[in-house]
Amino acid sequence: MIQRVFFTILFFLSAFLFPWYITIFLGIVLLAVAPGYEVILGGLVLDFIYGAVVPSFFTSPFSFTLFFALLYSISYVVKGRLVFYKDAQR
């Protein structure tokens, strides 16, 4: 529980203080530590700060949000199938 709170606070602070790639790394760490649905909200924050429509990349201005939603979905499925992963909420 304390790890989840710590990494969540660190993740949201990094959205404002650090470059986007460090924030993405901390979002992945948050998903490894906890269920981490907060990363989707963090993706929205990153999109509002750094988001721009780039025609050659993705045409959506919400690319960070889509990326974190995809990562959350994958981590939810993988964590449900792991034998050694213990989550009190499942």
C-alpha atoms as a PDB file:
ATOM      1  CA  MET A   1       0.000   0.000   0.000  1.00  0.00           C
ATOM      2  CA  ILE A   2       2.753   2.438   0.912  1.00  0.00           C
ATOM      3  CA  GLN A   3       4.667   1.510  -2.244  1.00  0.00           C
ATOM      4  CA  ARG A   4       1.609   2.280  -4.348  1.00  0.00           C
ATOM      5  CA  VAL A   5       1.136   5.702  -2.761  1.00  0.00           C
ATOM      6  CA  PHE A   6       4.848   6.478  -3.074  1.00  0.00           C
ATOM      7  CA  PHE A   7       5.064   5.511  -6.749  1.00  0.00           C
ATOM      8  CA  THR A   8       1.793   7.276  -7.570  1.00  0.00           C
ATOM      9  CA  ILE A   9       3.013  10.543  -6.061  1.00  0.00           C
ATOM     10  CA  LEU A  10       6.391  10.117  -7.761  1.00  0.00           C
ATOM     11  CA  PHE A  11       4.678   9.396 -11.086  1.00  0.00           C
ATOM     12  CA  PHE A  12       2.508  12.520 -10.991  1.00  0.00           C
ATOM     13  CA  LEU A  13       5.362  14.732  -9.810  1.00  0.00           C
ATOM     14  CA  SER A  14       7.545  13.416 -12.605  1.00  0.00           C
ATOM     15  CA  ALA A  15       4.916  14.476 -15.135  1.00  0.00           C
ATOM     16  CA  PHE A  16       5.615  18.073 -14.137  1.00  0.00           C
ATOM     17  CA  LEU A  17       9.316  17.909 -13.251  1.00  0.00           C
ATOM     18  CA  PHE A  18      10.983  15.357 -15.527  1.00  0.00           C
ATOM     19  CA  PRO A  19      11.001  14.686 -19.274  1.00  0.00           C
ATOM     20  CA  TRP A  20       8.261  12.498 -20.714  1.00  0.00           C
ATOM     21  CA  TYR A  21      10.435   9.403 -21.102  1.00  0.00           C
ATOM     22  CA  ILE A  22      11.247   9.288 -17.378  1.00  0.00           C
ATOM     23  CA  THR A  23       7.551   9.613 -16.611  1.00  0.00           C
ATOM     24  CA  ILE A  24       6.765   6.710 -18.935  1.00  0.00           C
ATOM     25  CA  PHE A  25       9.397   4.609 -17.153  1.00  0.00           C
ATOM     26  CA  LEU A  26       7.885   5.473 -13.764  1.00  0.00           C
ATOM     27  CA  GLY A  27       4.433   4.617 -15.119  1.00  0.00           C
ATOM     28  CA  ILE A  28       5.679   1.175 -16.100  1.00  0.00           C
ATOM     29  CA  VAL A  29       7.196   0.761 -12.627  1.00  0.00           C
ATOM     30  CA  LEU A  30       3.875   1.795 -11.085  1.00  0.00           C
ATOM     31  CA  LEU A  31       2.096  -0.834 -13.157  1.00  0.00           C
ATOM     32  CA  ALA A  32       4.570  -3.451 -11.915  1.00  0.00           C
ATOM     33  CA  VAL A  33       4.101  -2.485  -8.259  1.00  0.00           C
ATOM     34  CA  ALA A  34       0.333  -1.977  -8.096  1.00  0.00           C
ATOM     35  CA  PRO A  35      -2.758  -2.286 -10.295  1.00  0.00           C
ATOM     36  CA  GLY A  36      -1.921   1.265 -11.310  1.00  0.00           C
ATOM     37  CA  TYR A  37      -5.038   2.556 -13.023  1.00  0.00           C
ATOM     38  CA  GLU A  38      -3.677   5.985 -12.105  1.00  0.00           C
ATOM     39  CA  VAL A  39      -1.385   5.774 -15.120  1.00  0.00           C
ATOM     40  CA  ILE A  40      -4.340   6.479 -17.404  1.00  0.00           C
ATOM     41  CA  LEU A  41      -4.939   9.770 -15.580  1.00  0.00           C
ATOM     42  CA  GLY A  42      -1.209  10.428 -15.779  1.00  0.00           C
ATOM     43  CA  GLY A  43      -1.425   9.833 -19.520  1.00  0.00           C
ATOM     44  CA  LEU A  44      -4.042  12.556 -19.737  1.00  0.00           C
ATOM     45  CA  VAL A  45      -1.773  14.912 -17.797  1.00  0.00           C
ATOM     46  CA  LEU A  46       1.120  14.112 -20.141  1.00  0.00           C
ATOM     47  CA  ASP A  47      -1.082  14.682 -23.186  1.00  0.00           C
ATOM     48  CA  PHE A  48      -2.194  18.049 -21.897  1.00  0.00           C
ATOM     49  CA  ILE A  49       1.420  19.059 -21.223  1.00  0.00           C
ATOM     50  CA  TYR A  50       3.356  17.492 -24.108  1.00  0.00           C
ATOM     51  CA  GLY A  51       0.658  16.344 -26.519  1.00  0.00           C
ATOM     52  CA  ALA A  52       0.767  17.524 -30.102  1.00  0.00           C
ATOM     53  CA  VAL A  53      -0.677  16.100 -33.279  1.00  0.00           C
ATOM     54  CA  VAL A  54       2.160  14.754 -35.383  1.00  0.00           C
ATOM     55  CA  PRO A  55       0.969  13.465 -38.765  1.00  0.00           C
ATOM     56  CA  SER A  56       3.872  11.075 -39.271  1.00  0.00           C
ATOM     57  CA  PHE A  57       3.497   9.485 -35.807  1.00  0.00           C
ATOM     58  CA  PHE A  58      -0.037   9.102 -34.479  1.00  0.00           C
ATOM     59  CA  THR A  59      -2.757  11.495 -35.517  1.00  0.00           C
ATOM     60  CA  SER A  60      -4.363  11.410 -32.062  1.00  0.00           C
ATOM     61  CA  PRO A  61      -3.488  14.148 -29.578  1.00  0.00           C
ATOM     62  CA  PHE A  62      -4.029  11.554 -26.811  1.00  0.00           C
ATOM     63  CA  SER A  63      -1.174   9.207 -27.661  1.00  0.00           C
ATOM     64  CA  PHE A  64       0.140   8.982 -24.065  1.00  0.00           C
ATOM     65  CA  THR A  65      -3.334   8.158 -22.778  1.00  0.00           C
ATOM     66  CA  LEU A  66      -3.800   5.447 -25.389  1.00  0.00           C
ATOM     67  CA  PHE A  67      -0.330   4.065 -24.638  1.00  0.00           C
ATOM     68  CA  PHE A  68      -0.959   3.888 -20.885  1.00  0.00           C
ATOM     69  CA  ALA A  69      -4.451   2.436 -21.379  1.00  0.00           C
ATOM     70  CA  LEU A  70      -2.925  -0.293 -23.539  1.00  0.00           C
ATOM     71  CA  LEU A  71      -0.181  -0.949 -20.971  1.00  0.00           C
ATOM     72  CA  TYR A  72      -2.759  -1.090 -18.168  1.00  0.00           C
ATOM     73  CA  SER A  73      -4.876  -3.576 -20.110  1.00  0.00           C
ATOM     74  CA  ILE A  74      -1.886  -5.793 -20.856  1.00  0.00           C
ATOM     75  CA  SER A  75      -0.641  -5.666 -17.270  1.00  0.00           C
ATOM     76  CA  TYR A  76      -4.113  -6.514 -15.931  1.00  0.00           C
ATOM     77  CA  VAL A  77      -4.284  -9.642 -18.082  1.00  0.00           C
ATOM     78  CA  VAL A  78      -0.698 -10.692 -17.373  1.00  0.00           C
ATOM     79  CA  LYS A  79      -0.987 -10.152 -13.609  1.00  0.00           C
ATOM     80  CA  GLY A  80      -4.142 -12.239 -13.537  1.00  0.00           C
ATOM     81  CA  ARG A  81      -2.287 -15.177 -15.089  1.00  0.00           C
ATOM     82  CA  LEU A  82       0.869 -14.993 -12.977  1.00  0.00           C
ATOM     83  CA  VAL A  83       0.978 -17.496 -10.159  1.00  0.00           C
ATOM     84  CA  PHE A  84       3.513 -15.638  -8.041  1.00  0.00           C
ATOM     85  CA  TYR A  85       1.850 -12.192  -8.270  1.00  0.00           C
ATOM     86  CA  LYS A  86      -0.278 -11.438  -5.218  1.00  0.00           C
ATOM     87  CA  ASP A  87      -2.740  -8.588  -5.229  1.00  0.00           C
ATOM     88  CA  ALA A  88      -5.061  -8.080  -2.289  1.00  0.00           C
ATOM     89  CA  GLN A  89      -7.769  -6.546  -4.449  1.00  0.00           C
ATOM     90  CA  ARG A  90      -8.260  -9.583  -6.748  1.00  0.00           C
END
